[in-house]
Amino acid sequence: MIPLIRLSEAYLIAAECAATPEEALEYLVAIREHRNCHMPIMATSSDEVRELVTKEFAREVIGEGQLFFYYKRLNLTTFFNGSEIGGTYEMLTDNYKWPLPDVEVDKRGSTNN
């Protein structure tokens, strides 16, 4: 069986789309309680909610490669470094575009996407 989407991913999407930070926190707290993590979290702005959602998503898909597409969708240029506490990586938005294979370039006649 291959799941299309995890329930926790649905909760993260709901938190990301929530109208208020309070509503988003309800979804995030539900995920964290299911993981037996009862530490309180706070967010008063949409930027803080996005940071919390990003952290939870990174925990959810660790080692699967899906985080790249999350960062790409949000066009993030700075994101957390998983190997050191408080560290960040810088990403150029051009690095989100993969080069076309030679076969595609030959058929299209150019390298433009």
PDB file of N, CA and C in Angstrom:
ATOM      1  N   MET A   1       0.844  -1.175   0.000  1.00  0.00           N
ATOM      2  CA  MET A   1       0.000   0.000   0.000  1.00  0.00           C
ATOM      3  C   MET A   1       0.894   1.244   0.000  1.00  0.00           C
ATOM      4  N   ILE A   2       0.595   2.171  -0.865  1.00  0.00           N
ATOM      5  CA  ILE A   2       1.322   3.433  -0.935  1.00  0.00           C
ATOM      6  C   ILE A   2       0.336   4.553  -0.610  1.00  0.00           C
ATOM      7  N   PRO A   3       0.545   5.228   0.519  1.00  0.00           N
ATOM      8  CA  PRO A   3      -0.375   6.312   0.877  1.00  0.00           C
ATOM      9  C   PRO A   3      -0.191   7.523  -0.032  1.00  0.00           C
ATOM     10  N   LEU A   4      -1.283   8.152  -0.393  1.00  0.00           N
ATOM     11  CA  LEU A   4      -1.203   9.369  -1.203  1.00  0.00           C
ATOM     12  C   LEU A   4      -0.863  10.581  -0.352  1.00  0.00           C
ATOM     13  N   ILE A   5      -1.428  10.618   0.849  1.00  0.00           N
ATOM     14  CA  ILE A   5      -1.163  11.731   1.762  1.00  0.00           C
ATOM     15  C   ILE A   5      -1.371  11.222   3.181  1.00  0.00           C
ATOM     16  N   ARG A   6      -0.530  11.683   4.065  1.00  0.00           N
ATOM     17  CA  ARG A   6      -0.671  11.332   5.478  1.00  0.00           C
ATOM     18  C   ARG A   6      -1.688  12.267   6.124  1.00  0.00           C
ATOM     19  N   LEU A   7      -2.303  11.811   7.187  1.00  0.00           N
ATOM     20  CA  LEU A   7      -3.235  12.659   7.915  1.00  0.00           C
ATOM     21  C   LEU A   7      -2.516  13.880   8.469  1.00  0.00           C
ATOM     22  N   SER A   8      -1.285  13.683   8.929  1.00  0.00           N
ATOM     23  CA  SER A   8      -0.524  14.822   9.457  1.00  0.00           C
ATOM     24  C   SER A   8      -0.235  15.851   8.366  1.00  0.00           C
ATOM     25  N   GLU A   9      -0.015  15.397   7.141  1.00  0.00           N
ATOM     26  CA  GLU A   9       0.192  16.337   6.034  1.00  0.00           C
ATOM     27  C   GLU A   9      -1.081  17.139   5.766  1.00  0.00           C
ATOM     28  N   ALA A  10      -2.231  16.499   5.883  1.00  0.00           N
ATOM     29  CA  ALA A  10      -3.502  17.208   5.707  1.00  0.00           C
ATOM     30  C   ALA A  10      -3.672  18.268   6.795  1.00  0.00           C
ATOM     31  N   TYR A  11      -3.271  17.925   8.014  1.00  0.00           N
ATOM     32  CA  TYR A  11      -3.330  18.897   9.103  1.00  0.00           C
ATOM     33  C   TYR A  11      -2.374  20.058   8.847  1.00  0.00           C
ATOM     34  N   LEU A  12      -1.204  19.772   8.319  1.00  0.00           N
ATOM     35  CA  LEU A  12      -0.244  20.846   8.024  1.00  0.00           C
ATOM     36  C   LEU A  12      -0.756  21.758   6.917  1.00  0.00           C
ATOM     37  N   ILE A  13      -1.404  21.183   5.925  1.00  0.00           N
ATOM     38  CA  ILE A  13      -2.004  21.994   4.857  1.00  0.00           C
ATOM     39  C   ILE A  13      -3.109  22.865   5.443  1.00  0.00           C
ATOM     40  N   ALA A  14      -3.926  22.282   6.319  1.00  0.00           N
ATOM     41  CA  ALA A  14      -4.997  23.052   6.955  1.00  0.00           C
ATOM     42  C   ALA A  14      -4.420  24.180   7.814  1.00  0.00           C
ATOM     43  N   ALA A  15      -3.334  23.900   8.519  1.00  0.00           N
ATOM     44  CA  ALA A  15      -2.696  24.937   9.340  1.00  0.00           C
ATOM     45  C   ALA A  15      -2.138  26.052   8.464  1.00  0.00           C
ATOM     46  N   GLU A  16      -1.567  25.671   7.340  1.00  0.00           N
ATOM     47  CA  GLU A  16      -1.001  26.670   6.424  1.00  0.00           C
ATOM     48  C   GLU A  16      -2.084  27.552   5.818  1.00  0.00           C
ATOM     49  N   CYS A  17      -3.255  26.993   5.608  1.00  0.00           N
ATOM     50  CA  CYS A  17      -4.352  27.725   4.970  1.00  0.00           C
ATOM     51  C   CYS A  17      -5.313  28.364   5.968  1.00  0.00           C
ATOM     52  N   ALA A  18      -5.077  28.196   7.244  1.00  0.00           N
ATOM     53  CA  ALA A  18      -5.988  28.701   8.269  1.00  0.00           C
ATOM     54  C   ALA A  18      -6.120  30.215   8.186  1.00  0.00           C
ATOM     55  N   ALA A  19      -7.310  30.690   8.543  1.00  0.00           N
ATOM     56  CA  ALA A  19      -7.596  32.117   8.466  1.00  0.00           C
ATOM     57  C   ALA A  19      -6.910  32.916   9.570  1.00  0.00           C
ATOM     58  N   THR A  20      -6.724  32.293  10.726  1.00  0.00           N
ATOM     59  CA  THR A  20      -6.115  32.993  11.855  1.00  0.00           C
ATOM     60  C   THR A  20      -4.988  32.149  12.446  1.00  0.00           C
ATOM     61  N   PRO A  21      -4.040  32.793  13.109  1.00  0.00           N
ATOM     62  CA  PRO A  21      -2.983  32.017  13.771  1.00  0.00           C
ATOM     63  C   PRO A  21      -3.532  31.061  14.837  1.00  0.00           C
ATOM     64  N   GLU A  22      -4.606  31.450  15.507  1.00  0.00           N
ATOM     65  CA  GLU A  22      -5.196  30.585  16.534  1.00  0.00           C
ATOM     66  C   GLU A  22      -5.720  29.294  15.930  1.00  0.00           C
ATOM     67  N   GLU A  23      -6.378  29.401  14.778  1.00  0.00           N
ATOM     68  CA  GLU A  23      -6.897  28.215  14.094  1.00  0.00           C
ATOM     69  C   GLU A  23      -5.745  27.325  13.624  1.00  0.00           C
ATOM     70  N   ALA A  24      -4.691  27.935  13.109  1.00  0.00           N
ATOM     71  CA  ALA A  24      -3.526  27.172  12.657  1.00  0.00           C
ATOM     72  C   ALA A  24      -2.893  26.427  13.819  1.00  0.00           C
ATOM     73  N   LEU A  25      -2.810  27.078  14.978  1.00  0.00           N
ATOM     74  CA  LEU A  25      -2.216  26.437  16.145  1.00  0.00           C
ATOM     75  C   LEU A  25      -3.010  25.209  16.585  1.00  0.00           C
ATOM     76  N   GLU A  26      -4.319  25.230  16.405  1.00  0.00           N
ATOM     77  CA  GLU A  26      -5.137  24.065  16.769  1.00  0.00           C
ATOM     78  C   GLU A  26      -4.702  22.846  15.967  1.00  0.00           C
ATOM     79  N   TYR A  27      -4.471  23.020  14.673  1.00  0.00           N
ATOM     80  CA  TYR A  27      -4.029  21.906  13.833  1.00  0.00           C
ATOM     81  C   TYR A  27      -2.623  21.438  14.225  1.00  0.00           C
ATOM     82  N   LEU A  28      -1.742  22.380  14.484  1.00  0.00           N
ATOM     83  CA  LEU A  28      -0.370  22.022  14.851  1.00  0.00           C
ATOM     84  C   LEU A  28      -0.318  21.323  16.206  1.00  0.00           C
ATOM     85  N   VAL A  29      -1.115  21.792  17.149  1.00  0.00           N
ATOM     86  CA  VAL A  29      -1.166  21.157  18.466  1.00  0.00           C
ATOM     87  C   VAL A  29      -1.704  19.736  18.346  1.00  0.00           C
ATOM     88  N   ALA A  30      -2.680  19.517  17.465  1.00  0.00           N
ATOM     89  CA  ALA A  30      -3.222  18.164  17.268  1.00  0.00           C
ATOM     90  C   ALA A  30      -2.133  17.211  16.777  1.00  0.00           C
ATOM     91  N   ILE A  31      -1.312  17.664  15.849  1.00  0.00           N
ATOM     92  CA  ILE A  31      -0.210  16.828  15.347  1.00  0.00           C
ATOM     93  C   ILE A  31       0.782  16.542  16.467  1.00  0.00           C
ATOM     94  N   ARG A  32       1.152  17.580  17.195  1.00  0.00           N
ATOM     95  CA  ARG A  32       2.152  17.425  18.243  1.00  0.00           C
ATOM     96  C   ARG A  32       1.650  16.541  19.380  1.00  0.00           C
ATOM     97  N   GLU A  33       0.382  16.646  19.731  1.00  0.00           N
ATOM     98  CA  GLU A  33      -0.166  15.785  20.787  1.00  0.00           C
ATOM     99  C   GLU A  33      -0.174  14.327  20.346  1.00  0.00           C
ATOM    100  N   HIS A  34      -0.450  14.089  19.082  1.00  0.00           N
ATOM    101  CA  HIS A  34      -0.417  12.720  18.571  1.00  0.00           C
ATOM    102  C   HIS A  34       0.990  12.128  18.677  1.00  0.00           C
ATOM    103  N   ARG A  35       1.997  12.980  18.577  1.00  0.00           N
ATOM    104  CA  ARG A  35       3.393  12.547  18.733  1.00  0.00           C
ATOM    105  C   ARG A  35       3.832  12.541  20.194  1.00  0.00           C
ATOM    106  N   ASN A  36       2.890  12.823  21.091  1.00  0.00           N
ATOM    107  CA  ASN A  36       3.150  12.875  22.530  1.00  0.00           C
ATOM    108  C   ASN A  36       4.096  14.019  22.893  1.00  0.00           C
ATOM    109  N   CYS A  37       3.986  15.114  22.169  1.00  0.00           N
ATOM    110  CA  CYS A  37       4.767  16.324  22.445  1.00  0.00           C
ATOM    111  C   CYS A  37       3.789  17.374  22.961  1.00  0.00           C
ATOM    112  N   HIS A  38       3.876  17.664  24.236  1.00  0.00           N
ATOM    113  CA  HIS A  38       2.909  18.565  24.857  1.00  0.00           C
ATOM    114  C   HIS A  38       3.505  19.927  25.196  1.00  0.00           C
ATOM    115  N   MET A  39       4.666  20.232  24.628  1.00  0.00           N
ATOM    116  CA  MET A  39       5.252  21.554  24.850  1.00  0.00           C
ATOM    117  C   MET A  39       4.389  22.603  24.163  1.00  0.00           C
ATOM    118  N   PRO A  40       4.085  23.695  24.846  1.00  0.00           N
ATOM    119  CA  PRO A  40       3.238  24.726  24.233  1.00  0.00           C
ATOM    120  C   PRO A  40       3.966  25.440  23.089  1.00  0.00           C
ATOM    121  N   ILE A  41       3.208  25.815  22.087  1.00  0.00           N
ATOM    122  CA  ILE A  41       3.741  26.601  20.978  1.00  0.00           C
ATOM    123  C   ILE A  41       2.916  27.870  20.862  1.00  0.00           C
ATOM    124  N   MET A  42       3.552  28.925  20.418  1.00  0.00           N
ATOM    125  CA  MET A  42       2.887  30.221  20.304  1.00  0.00           C
ATOM    126  C   MET A  42       3.135  30.794  18.917  1.00  0.00           C
ATOM    127  N   ALA A  43       2.124  31.438  18.378  1.00  0.00           N
ATOM    128  CA  ALA A  43       2.254  32.168  17.116  1.00  0.00           C
ATOM    129  C   ALA A  43       1.202  33.266  17.107  1.00  0.00           C
ATOM    130  N   THR A  44       1.635  34.468  16.805  1.00  0.00           N
ATOM    131  CA  THR A  44       0.697  35.591  16.763  1.00  0.00           C
ATOM    132  C   THR A  44       0.582  36.192  15.369  1.00  0.00           C
ATOM    133  N   SER A  45       1.431  35.737  14.451  1.00  0.00           N
ATOM    134  CA  SER A  45       1.377  36.285  13.091  1.00  0.00           C
ATOM    135  C   SER A  45       1.465  35.145  12.078  1.00  0.00           C
ATOM    136  N   SER A  46       1.149  35.462  10.848  1.00  0.00           N
ATOM    137  CA  SER A  46       1.206  34.439   9.798  1.00  0.00           C
ATOM    138  C   SER A  46       2.642  33.999   9.531  1.00  0.00           C
ATOM    139  N   ASP A  47       3.614  34.877   9.725  1.00  0.00           N
ATOM    140  CA  ASP A  47       5.024  34.494   9.554  1.00  0.00           C
ATOM    141  C   ASP A  47       5.446  33.473  10.600  1.00  0.00           C
ATOM    142  N   GLU A  48       5.007  33.662  11.835  1.00  0.00           N
ATOM    143  CA  GLU A  48       5.325  32.697  12.894  1.00  0.00           C
ATOM    144  C   GLU A  48       4.651  31.354  12.628  1.00  0.00           C
ATOM    145  N   VAL A  49       3.423  31.400  12.113  1.00  0.00           N
ATOM    146  CA  VAL A  49       2.718  30.159  11.762  1.00  0.00           C
ATOM    147  C   VAL A  49       3.471  29.441  10.659  1.00  0.00           C
ATOM    148  N   ARG A  50       3.914  30.167   9.638  1.00  0.00           N
ATOM    149  CA  ARG A  50       4.650  29.545   8.540  1.00  0.00           C
ATOM    150  C   ARG A  50       5.934  28.885   9.050  1.00  0.00           C
ATOM    151  N   GLU A  51       6.626  29.532   9.976  1.00  0.00           N
ATOM    152  CA  GLU A  51       7.844  28.955  10.541  1.00  0.00           C
ATOM    153  C   GLU A  51       7.533  27.662  11.304  1.00  0.00           C
ATOM    154  N   LEU A  52       6.447  27.668  12.085  1.00  0.00           N
ATOM    155  CA  LEU A  52       6.056  26.459  12.819  1.00  0.00           C
ATOM    156  C   LEU A  52       5.645  25.334  11.868  1.00  0.00           C
ATOM    157  N   VAL A  53       4.894  25.676  10.832  1.00  0.00           N
ATOM    158  CA  VAL A  53       4.479  24.669   9.846  1.00  0.00           C
ATOM    159  C   VAL A  53       5.704  24.094   9.142  1.00  0.00           C
ATOM    160  N   THR A  54       6.659  24.944   8.797  1.00  0.00           N
ATOM    161  CA  THR A  54       7.878  24.482   8.138  1.00  0.00           C
ATOM    162  C   THR A  54       8.644  23.512   9.026  1.00  0.00           C
ATOM    163  N   LYS A  55       8.771  23.834  10.299  1.00  0.00           N
ATOM    164  CA  LYS A  55       9.478  22.948  11.223  1.00  0.00           C
ATOM    165  C   LYS A  55       8.761  21.604  11.353  1.00  0.00           C
ATOM    166  N   GLU A  56       7.433  21.643  11.482  1.00  0.00           N
ATOM    167  CA  GLU A  56       6.671  20.394  11.612  1.00  0.00           C
ATOM    168  C   GLU A  56       6.749  19.578  10.325  1.00  0.00           C
ATOM    169  N   PHE A  57       6.688  20.248   9.174  1.00  0.00           N
ATOM    170  CA  PHE A  57       6.770  19.525   7.912  1.00  0.00           C
ATOM    171  C   PHE A  57       8.135  18.862   7.760  1.00  0.00           C
ATOM    172  N   ALA A  58       9.184  19.571   8.168  1.00  0.00           N
ATOM    173  CA  ALA A  58      10.531  18.999   8.100  1.00  0.00           C
ATOM    174  C   ALA A  58      10.636  17.760   8.982  1.00  0.00           C
ATOM    175  N   ARG A  59      10.000  17.779  10.146  1.00  0.00           N
ATOM    176  CA  ARG A  59      10.003  16.603  11.021  1.00  0.00           C
ATOM    177  C   ARG A  59       9.212  15.459  10.403  1.00  0.00           C
ATOM    178  N   GLU A  60       8.146  15.799   9.721  1.00  0.00           N
ATOM    179  CA  GLU A  60       7.255  14.779   9.163  1.00  0.00           C
ATOM    180  C   GLU A  60       7.884  14.018   8.000  1.00  0.00           C
ATOM    181  N   VAL A  61       8.626  14.699   7.154  1.00  0.00           N
ATOM    182  CA  VAL A  61       9.130  14.071   5.919  1.00  0.00           C
ATOM    183  C   VAL A  61      10.642  13.892   5.930  1.00  0.00           C
ATOM    184  N   ILE A  62      11.233  13.824   7.095  1.00  0.00           N
ATOM    185  CA  ILE A  62      12.685  13.734   7.198  1.00  0.00           C
ATOM    186  C   ILE A  62      13.214  12.557   6.376  1.00  0.00           C
ATOM    187  N   GLY A  63      14.190  12.846   5.542  1.00  0.00           N
ATOM    188  CA  GLY A  63      14.843  11.822   4.742  1.00  0.00           C
ATOM    189  C   GLY A  63      14.089  11.373   3.513  1.00  0.00           C
ATOM    190  N   GLU A  64      12.973  12.003   3.162  1.00  0.00           N
ATOM    191  CA  GLU A  64      12.173  11.562   2.021  1.00  0.00           C
ATOM    192  C   GLU A  64      12.362  12.412   0.774  1.00  0.00           C
ATOM    193  N   GLY A  65      12.952  13.572   0.884  1.00  0.00           N
ATOM    194  CA  GLY A  65      13.161  14.429  -0.278  1.00  0.00           C
ATOM    195  C   GLY A  65      12.003  15.349  -0.602  1.00  0.00           C
ATOM    196  N   GLN A  66      10.895  15.248   0.141  1.00  0.00           N
ATOM    197  CA  GLN A  66       9.738  16.100  -0.137  1.00  0.00           C
ATOM    198  C   GLN A  66       9.947  17.530   0.318  1.00  0.00           C
ATOM    199  N   LEU A  67      10.875  17.733   1.231  1.00  0.00           N
ATOM    200  CA  LEU A  67      11.098  19.067   1.769  1.00  0.00           C
ATOM    201  C   LEU A  67      11.583  20.031   0.687  1.00  0.00           C
ATOM    202  N   PHE A  68      12.344  19.525  -0.288  1.00  0.00           N
ATOM    203  CA  PHE A  68      12.798  20.354  -1.405  1.00  0.00           C
ATOM    204  C   PHE A  68      11.600  20.983  -2.118  1.00  0.00           C
ATOM    205  N   PHE A  69      10.571  20.183  -2.368  1.00  0.00           N
ATOM    206  CA  PHE A  69       9.406  20.683  -3.097  1.00  0.00           C
ATOM    207  C   PHE A  69       8.577  21.646  -2.244  1.00  0.00           C
ATOM    208  N   TYR A  70       8.589  21.455  -0.928  1.00  0.00           N
ATOM    209  CA  TYR A  70       7.938  22.399  -0.016  1.00  0.00           C
ATOM    210  C   TYR A  70       8.656  23.747  -0.093  1.00  0.00           C
ATOM    211  N   TYR A  71       9.985  23.713  -0.005  1.00  0.00           N
ATOM    212  CA  TYR A  71      10.765  24.942  -0.104  1.00  0.00           C
ATOM    213  C   TYR A  71      10.582  25.601  -1.474  1.00  0.00           C
ATOM    214  N   LYS A  72      10.521  24.793  -2.510  1.00  0.00           N
ATOM    215  CA  LYS A  72      10.354  25.316  -3.864  1.00  0.00           C
ATOM    216  C   LYS A  72       8.986  25.984  -4.006  1.00  0.00           C
ATOM    217  N   ARG A  73       7.954  25.347  -3.485  1.00  0.00           N
ATOM    218  CA  ARG A  73       6.597  25.903  -3.581  1.00  0.00           C
ATOM    219  C   ARG A  73       6.517  27.263  -2.896  1.00  0.00           C
ATOM    220  N   LEU A  74       7.204  27.396  -1.759  1.00  0.00           N
ATOM    221  CA  LEU A  74       7.187  28.664  -1.030  1.00  0.00           C
ATOM    222  C   LEU A  74       8.276  29.625  -1.493  1.00  0.00           C
ATOM    223  N   ASN A  75       9.137  29.161  -2.405  1.00  0.00           N
ATOM    224  CA  ASN A  75      10.236  29.964  -2.944  1.00  0.00           C
ATOM    225  C   ASN A  75      11.127  30.507  -1.818  1.00  0.00           C
ATOM    226  N   LEU A  76      11.430  29.646  -0.845  1.00  0.00           N
ATOM    227  CA  LEU A  76      12.254  30.046   0.290  1.00  0.00           C
ATOM    228  C   LEU A  76      13.715  30.176  -0.131  1.00  0.00           C
ATOM    229  N   THR A  77      14.356  31.213   0.356  1.00  0.00           N
ATOM    230  CA  THR A  77      15.778  31.402   0.071  1.00  0.00           C
ATOM    231  C   THR A  77      16.643  31.075   1.282  1.00  0.00           C
ATOM    232  N   THR A  78      16.038  31.006   2.459  1.00  0.00           N
ATOM    233  CA  THR A  78      16.743  30.639   3.682  1.00  0.00           C
ATOM    234  C   THR A  78      15.938  29.572   4.394  1.00  0.00           C
ATOM    235  N   PHE A  79      16.602  28.479   4.761  1.00  0.00           N
ATOM    236  CA  PHE A  79      15.899  27.445   5.511  1.00  0.00           C
ATOM    237  C   PHE A  79      16.831  26.792   6.508  1.00  0.00           C
ATOM    238  N   PHE A  80      16.244  26.029   7.417  1.00  0.00           N
ATOM    239  CA  PHE A  80      16.970  25.470   8.552  1.00  0.00           C
ATOM    240  C   PHE A  80      17.994  24.438   8.128  1.00  0.00           C
ATOM    241  N   ASN A  81      19.118  24.478   8.811  1.00  0.00           N
ATOM    242  CA  ASN A  81      20.171  23.492   8.622  1.00  0.00           C
ATOM    243  C   ASN A  81      19.891  22.351   9.584  1.00  0.00           C
ATOM    244  N   GLY A  82      19.753  21.154   9.082  1.00  0.00           N
ATOM    245  CA  GLY A  82      19.433  20.019   9.922  1.00  0.00           C
ATOM    246  C   GLY A  82      20.602  19.465  10.704  1.00  0.00           C
ATOM    247  N   SER A  83      21.806  19.956  10.458  1.00  0.00           N
ATOM    248  CA  SER A  83      22.965  19.385  11.124  1.00  0.00           C
ATOM    249  C   SER A  83      23.522  20.241  12.257  1.00  0.00           C
ATOM    250  N   GLU A  84      23.057  21.474  12.396  1.00  0.00           N
ATOM    251  CA  GLU A  84      23.513  22.289  13.524  1.00  0.00           C
ATOM    252  C   GLU A  84      22.361  23.123  14.055  1.00  0.00           C
ATOM    253  N   ILE A  85      22.333  23.298  15.342  1.00  0.00           N
ATOM    254  CA  ILE A  85      21.241  24.011  15.995  1.00  0.00           C
ATOM    255  C   ILE A  85      21.302  25.491  15.627  1.00  0.00           C
ATOM    256  N   GLY A  86      20.188  26.000  15.151  1.00  0.00           N
ATOM    257  CA  GLY A  86      20.094  27.407  14.816  1.00  0.00           C
ATOM    258  C   GLY A  86      20.746  27.795  13.504  1.00  0.00           C
ATOM    259  N   GLY A  87      21.366  26.851  12.813  1.00  0.00           N
ATOM    260  CA  GLY A  87      22.017  27.160  11.544  1.00  0.00           C
ATOM    261  C   GLY A  87      21.026  27.221  10.395  1.00  0.00           C
ATOM    262  N   THR A  88      21.404  27.929   9.362  1.00  0.00           N
ATOM    263  CA  THR A  88      20.545  28.034   8.181  1.00  0.00           C
ATOM    264  C   THR A  88      21.375  27.821   6.921  1.00  0.00           C
ATOM    265  N   TYR A  89      20.681  27.466   5.867  1.00  0.00           N
ATOM    266  CA  TYR A  89      21.259  27.372   4.532  1.00  0.00           C
ATOM    267  C   TYR A  89      20.685  28.503   3.688  1.00  0.00           C
ATOM    268  N   GLU A  90      21.468  28.979   2.764  1.00  0.00           N
ATOM    269  CA  GLU A  90      21.000  29.963   1.792  1.00  0.00           C
ATOM    270  C   GLU A  90      20.788  29.249   0.468  1.00  0.00           C
ATOM    271  N   MET A  91      19.707  29.569  -0.216  1.00  0.00           N
ATOM    272  CA  MET A  91      19.381  28.922  -1.482  1.00  0.00           C
ATOM    273  C   MET A  91      19.083  29.990  -2.517  1.00  0.00           C
ATOM    274  N   LEU A  92      19.672  29.870  -3.671  1.00  0.00           N
ATOM    275  CA  LEU A  92      19.337  30.746  -4.794  1.00  0.00           C
ATOM    276  C   LEU A  92      18.084  30.195  -5.448  1.00  0.00           C
ATOM    277  N   THR A  93      17.150  31.064  -5.788  1.00  0.00           N
ATOM    278  CA  THR A  93      15.908  30.588  -6.393  1.00  0.00           C
ATOM    279  C   THR A  93      16.156  29.935  -7.752  1.00  0.00           C
ATOM    280  N   ASP A  94      17.241  30.280  -8.417  1.00  0.00           N
ATOM    281  CA  ASP A  94      17.567  29.628  -9.689  1.00  0.00           C
ATOM    282  C   ASP A  94      17.888  28.147  -9.498  1.00  0.00           C
ATOM    283  N   ASN A  95      18.326  27.768  -8.301  1.00  0.00           N
ATOM    284  CA  ASN A  95      18.653  26.372  -8.038  1.00  0.00           C
ATOM    285  C   ASN A  95      17.419  25.484  -7.932  1.00  0.00           C
ATOM    286  N   TYR A  96      16.241  26.080  -7.854  1.00  0.00           N
ATOM    287  CA  TYR A  96      15.014  25.295  -7.823  1.00  0.00           C
ATOM    288  C   TYR A  96      14.651  24.753  -9.208  1.00  0.00           C
ATOM    289  N   LYS A  97      15.218  25.338 -10.266  1.00  0.00           N
ATOM    290  CA  LYS A  97      14.931  24.872 -11.628  1.00  0.00           C
ATOM    291  C   LYS A  97      16.005  23.889 -12.055  1.00  0.00           C
ATOM    292  N   TRP A  98      15.581  22.712 -12.432  1.00  0.00           N
ATOM    293  CA  TRP A  98      16.510  21.689 -12.899  1.00  0.00           C
ATOM    294  C   TRP A  98      16.783  21.901 -14.380  1.00  0.00           C
ATOM    295  N   PRO A  99      17.996  21.650 -14.822  1.00  0.00           N
ATOM    296  CA  PRO A  99      18.273  21.794 -16.257  1.00  0.00           C
ATOM    297  C   PRO A  99      17.547  20.713 -17.057  1.00  0.00           C
ATOM    298  N   LEU A 100      17.178  21.069 -18.268  1.00  0.00           N
ATOM    299  CA  LEU A 100      16.527  20.093 -19.142  1.00  0.00           C
ATOM    300  C   LEU A 100      17.528  19.037 -19.589  1.00  0.00           C
ATOM    301  N   PRO A 101      17.073  17.794 -19.703  1.00  0.00           N
ATOM    302  CA  PRO A 101      17.966  16.759 -20.236  1.00  0.00           C
ATOM    303  C   PRO A 101      18.325  17.073 -21.691  1.00  0.00           C
ATOM    304  N   ASP A 102      19.470  16.578 -22.136  1.00  0.00           N
ATOM    305  CA  ASP A 102      19.922  16.838 -23.509  1.00  0.00           C
ATOM    306  C   ASP A 102      18.894  16.396 -24.536  1.00  0.00           C
ATOM    307  N   VAL A 103      18.205  15.311 -24.271  1.00  0.00           N
ATOM    308  CA  VAL A 103      17.187  14.813 -25.204  1.00  0.00           C
ATOM    309  C   VAL A 103      16.085  15.853 -25.384  1.00  0.00           C
ATOM    310  N   GLU A 104      15.666  16.483 -24.302  1.00  0.00           N
ATOM    311  CA  GLU A 104      14.634  17.517 -24.380  1.00  0.00           C
ATOM    312  C   GLU A 104      15.139  18.750 -25.120  1.00  0.00           C
ATOM    313  N   VAL A 105      16.371  19.149 -24.838  1.00  0.00           N
ATOM    314  CA  VAL A 105      16.944  20.307 -25.513  1.00  0.00           C
ATOM    315  C   VAL A 105      17.021  20.053 -27.013  1.00  0.00           C
ATOM    316  N   ASP A 106      17.434  18.830 -27.398  1.00  0.00           N
ATOM    317  CA  ASP A 106      17.516  18.488 -28.816  1.00  0.00           C
ATOM    318  C   ASP A 106      16.159  18.557 -29.496  1.00  0.00           C
ATOM    319  N   LYS A 107      15.119  18.102 -28.822  1.00  0.00           N
ATOM    320  CA  LYS A 107      13.772  18.098 -29.415  1.00  0.00           C
ATOM    321  C   LYS A 107      13.169  19.494 -29.479  1.00  0.00           C
ATOM    322  N   ARG A 108      13.439  20.304 -28.451  1.00  0.00           N
ATOM    323  CA  ARG A 108      12.866  21.643 -28.402  1.00  0.00           C
ATOM    324  C   ARG A 108      13.684  22.648 -29.203  1.00  0.00           C
ATOM    325  N   GLY A 109      14.958  22.409 -29.299  1.00  0.00           N
ATOM    326  CA  GLY A 109      15.818  23.324 -30.041  1.00  0.00           C
ATOM    327  C   GLY A 109      16.330  24.480 -29.217  1.00  0.00           C
ATOM    328  N   SER A 110      16.009  24.510 -27.915  1.00  0.00           N
ATOM    329  CA  SER A 110      16.526  25.578 -27.050  1.00  0.00           C
ATOM    330  C   SER A 110      16.556  25.073 -25.613  1.00  0.00           C
ATOM    331  N   THR A 111      17.183  25.842 -24.734  1.00  0.00           N
ATOM    332  CA  THR A 111      17.252  25.460 -23.333  1.00  0.00           C
ATOM    333  C   THR A 111      16.217  26.167 -22.496  1.00  0.00           C
ATOM    334  N   ASN A 112      15.356  26.990 -23.098  1.00  0.00           N
ATOM    335  CA  ASN A 112      14.335  27.710 -22.353  1.00  0.00           C
ATOM    336  C   ASN A 112      13.230  26.756 -21.952  1.00  0.00           C
ATOM    337  N   ASN A 113      12.704  26.964 -20.733  1.00  0.00           N
ATOM    338  CA  ASN A 113      11.596  26.126 -20.241  1.00  0.00           C
ATOM    339  C   ASN A 113      10.276  26.598 -20.757  1.00  0.00           C
TER     340      ASN A 113
END
